[in-house]
């Protein structure tokens, strides 16, 4: 009887270790799947003629996703990187100022106001620099800021509104293509 219990405990221990190992593998796989998305893959295809602006645009995309998801902390992180990169672009204090306003904003709504200014500035810079590869889309939401409207830039024609996030994710249209 004792031998039966000992072998039963040994078998249960082995099964438990195997089961725990399988759960750990699943936990490791989930974050990797979340990190890989179509938007990240598409971003790697975009090439702006100005390398510094290319790096800033990469962070701009991060900022847009953060605002779309209502993530204040991620928006601040991306805006901080934009601010640092924008300081290297001569005669472009508006980009630095807008990014700084996002970093210091106490809430998502104030971040979105500063993001609108930053987006307007980015549209001008991207048009001036031009695209080496692919194209970008200037989206417009007519309902943003009490129906005053606002723009943002995306690599896809699909509308994912950073001004309203989940409330009105599909509100907007493509107004222009930057080539």
Protein backbone atom coordinates (compact mmCIF):
# COMPACT_ATOMS: atom_id res chain seq x y z
CA UNK A 1 0.00 0.00 0.00
CA UNK A 2 2.82 2.41 0.92
CA UNK A 3 4.55 1.69 -2.38
CA UNK A 4 1.32 2.42 -4.26
CA UNK A 5 0.97 5.78 -2.50
CA UNK A 6 4.66 6.63 -3.13
CA UNK A 7 4.39 5.83 -6.83
CA UNK A 8 1.08 7.75 -7.02
CA UNK A 9 2.71 10.80 -5.45
CA UNK A 10 5.64 10.52 -7.84
CA UNK A 11 3.31 10.34 -10.85
CA UNK A 12 1.24 13.29 -9.60
CA UNK A 13 4.42 15.32 -9.03
CA UNK A 14 5.59 14.65 -12.56
CA UNK A 15 2.17 15.57 -13.97
CA UNK A 16 2.14 18.77 -11.92
CA UNK A 17 5.59 19.76 -13.17
CA UNK A 18 4.57 19.09 -16.75
CA UNK A 19 1.35 21.06 -16.32
CA UNK A 20 3.19 23.99 -14.72
CA UNK A 21 5.75 23.96 -17.49
CA UNK A 22 2.98 24.10 -20.12
CA UNK A 23 1.33 27.08 -18.43
CA UNK A 24 4.61 28.95 -18.30
CA UNK A 25 5.14 28.39 -22.01
CA UNK A 26 1.67 29.71 -22.72
CA UNK A 27 2.35 32.80 -20.60
CA UNK A 28 5.55 33.46 -22.51
CA UNK A 29 3.81 33.13 -25.87
CA UNK A 30 0.96 35.54 -25.15
CA UNK A 31 3.05 38.73 -24.77
CA UNK A 32 4.99 37.88 -27.92
CA UNK A 33 1.75 37.59 -29.87
CA UNK A 34 0.54 40.93 -28.53
CA UNK A 35 3.76 42.67 -29.53
CA UNK A 36 3.47 41.55 -33.14
CA UNK A 37 0.78 43.36 -35.06
CA UNK A 38 0.00 44.41 -38.59
CA UNK A 39 0.59 48.09 -37.76
CA UNK A 40 4.17 47.39 -36.64
CA UNK A 41 4.88 45.42 -39.79
CA UNK A 42 3.42 48.16 -42.00
CA UNK A 43 5.46 50.83 -40.21
CA UNK A 44 8.67 49.10 -41.17
CA UNK A 45 7.62 49.52 -44.84
CA UNK A 46 7.34 53.33 -44.55
CA UNK A 47 10.46 55.25 -45.49
CA UNK A 48 10.54 59.02 -45.27
CA UNK A 49 13.29 60.90 -47.15
CA UNK A 50 14.55 62.46 -43.90
CA UNK A 51 16.08 59.89 -41.49
CA UNK A 52 15.46 61.99 -38.37
CA UNK A 53 11.85 62.56 -39.38
CA UNK A 54 11.58 58.82 -40.03
CA UNK A 55 12.53 58.18 -36.38
CA UNK A 56 10.15 60.86 -35.13
CA UNK A 57 7.32 59.42 -37.23
CA UNK A 58 7.91 56.02 -35.67
CA UNK A 59 7.26 57.56 -32.24
CA UNK A 60 4.32 59.53 -33.65
CA UNK A 61 2.74 56.20 -34.60
CA UNK A 62 3.33 54.93 -31.06
CA UNK A 63 1.68 58.10 -29.74
CA UNK A 64 -1.32 57.70 -32.06
CA UNK A 65 -1.91 54.13 -30.89
CA UNK A 66 -1.57 55.17 -27.24
CA UNK A 67 -4.16 57.94 -27.64
CA UNK A 68 -6.48 55.62 -29.56
CA UNK A 69 -6.29 53.20 -26.63
CA UNK A 70 -6.60 55.99 -24.03
CA UNK A 71 -3.19 55.15 -22.55
CA UNK A 72 -1.87 58.35 -20.92
CA UNK A 73 1.45 56.85 -19.78
CA UNK A 74 2.35 55.43 -23.21
CA UNK A 75 1.36 58.71 -24.86
CA UNK A 76 3.75 60.57 -22.55
CA UNK A 77 6.53 58.11 -23.31
CA UNK A 78 6.13 58.48 -27.08
CA UNK A 79 5.77 62.28 -26.87
CA UNK A 80 8.95 62.46 -24.80
CA UNK A 81 10.83 60.64 -27.59
CA UNK A 82 9.29 62.96 -30.20
CA UNK A 83 10.34 65.99 -28.17
CA UNK A 84 13.93 64.73 -27.98
CA UNK A 85 14.06 64.04 -31.71
CA UNK A 86 12.34 67.30 -32.65
CA UNK A 87 14.98 69.30 -30.78
CA UNK A 88 17.46 68.09 -33.41
CA UNK A 89 15.37 69.49 -36.27
CA UNK A 90 16.35 73.11 -36.79
CA UNK A 91 13.68 75.82 -36.74
CA UNK A 92 10.93 73.53 -35.54
CA UNK A 93 9.99 74.67 -32.08
CA UNK A 94 6.26 73.97 -32.71
CA UNK A 95 6.92 70.22 -32.80
CA UNK A 96 8.97 70.43 -29.60
CA UNK A 97 6.32 72.57 -27.90
CA UNK A 98 3.43 70.26 -28.87
CA UNK A 99 5.30 67.13 -27.80
CA UNK A 100 6.24 68.80 -24.51
CA UNK A 101 2.59 69.71 -23.91
CA UNK A 102 1.63 66.04 -24.31
CA UNK A 103 4.31 64.99 -21.83
CA UNK A 104 3.13 67.49 -19.21
CA UNK A 105 -0.62 67.08 -19.82
CA UNK A 106 -2.52 65.86 -16.76
CA UNK A 107 -5.21 63.97 -18.71
CA UNK A 108 -5.95 62.32 -22.04
CA UNK A 109 -8.13 65.18 -23.33
CA UNK A 110 -5.33 67.73 -22.95
CA UNK A 111 -2.95 65.26 -24.60
CA UNK A 112 -5.32 65.01 -27.55
CA UNK A 113 -5.46 68.81 -27.93
CA UNK A 114 -1.65 68.98 -28.07
CA UNK A 115 -1.63 65.94 -30.39
CA UNK A 116 -3.80 67.87 -32.85
CA UNK A 117 -1.19 70.64 -33.00
CA UNK A 118 1.60 68.08 -33.31
CA UNK A 119 -0.26 66.31 -36.13
CA UNK A 120 -0.70 69.55 -38.08
CA UNK A 121 3.03 70.18 -37.77
CA UNK A 122 3.89 66.60 -38.79
CA UNK A 123 1.72 66.83 -41.91
CA UNK A 124 3.69 69.88 -43.06
CA UNK A 125 7.05 68.28 -42.32
CA UNK A 126 6.15 65.02 -44.06
CA UNK A 127 4.89 66.81 -47.17
CA UNK A 128 8.10 68.83 -47.31
CA UNK A 129 10.38 65.80 -46.80
CA UNK A 130 8.47 63.44 -49.09
CA UNK A 131 8.32 59.68 -49.03
CA UNK A 132 11.11 57.40 -50.22
CA UNK A 133 8.89 54.32 -50.03
CA UNK A 134 5.15 53.75 -49.46
CA UNK A 135 2.66 56.48 -48.64
CA UNK A 136 0.94 57.99 -45.63
CA UNK A 137 -2.69 59.00 -45.22
CA UNK A 138 -3.94 62.18 -43.59
CA UNK A 139 -7.17 61.33 -41.78
CA UNK A 140 -9.72 63.91 -40.71
CA UNK A 141 -12.32 63.73 -37.94
CA UNK A 142 -14.93 66.48 -38.37
CA UNK A 143 -16.36 65.95 -34.86
CA UNK A 144 -13.15 66.46 -32.89
CA UNK A 145 -13.00 69.45 -30.54
CA UNK A 146 -16.67 70.41 -30.67
CA UNK A 147 -16.96 69.94 -34.44
CA UNK A 148 -13.90 72.06 -35.26
CA UNK A 149 -12.21 68.95 -36.69
CA UNK A 150 -8.70 67.58 -36.47
CA UNK A 151 -6.24 65.55 -38.55
CA UNK A 152 -3.83 62.71 -37.88
CA UNK A 153 -1.49 60.59 -39.99
CA UNK A 154 -1.62 56.85 -40.61
CA UNK A 155 0.01 54.22 -42.79
CA UNK A 156 -3.36 52.66 -43.58
CA UNK A 157 -6.65 53.94 -44.95
CA UNK A 158 -8.44 52.27 -42.03
CA UNK A 159 -9.75 54.88 -39.59
CA UNK A 160 -8.73 54.41 -35.94
CA UNK A 161 -9.55 57.73 -34.32
CA UNK A 162 -7.08 58.92 -31.64
CA UNK A 163 -9.33 61.84 -30.66
CA UNK A 164 -12.23 59.71 -29.46
CA UNK A 165 -10.63 56.29 -29.01
CA UNK A 166 -13.09 53.48 -28.38
CA UNK A 167 -16.05 55.91 -28.13
CA UNK A 168 -15.92 56.67 -31.86
CA UNK A 169 -13.09 54.56 -33.22
CA UNK A 170 -14.24 54.68 -36.85
CA UNK A 171 -15.13 58.39 -36.99
CA UNK A 172 -13.17 60.06 -39.76
CA UNK A 173 -12.07 59.81 -43.37
CA UNK A 174 -8.94 59.97 -45.49
CA UNK A 175 -8.51 63.55 -46.69
CA UNK A 176 -5.11 63.36 -48.34
CA UNK A 177 -2.27 61.05 -49.33
CA UNK A 178 1.37 61.97 -48.72
CA UNK A 179 3.70 60.42 -51.30
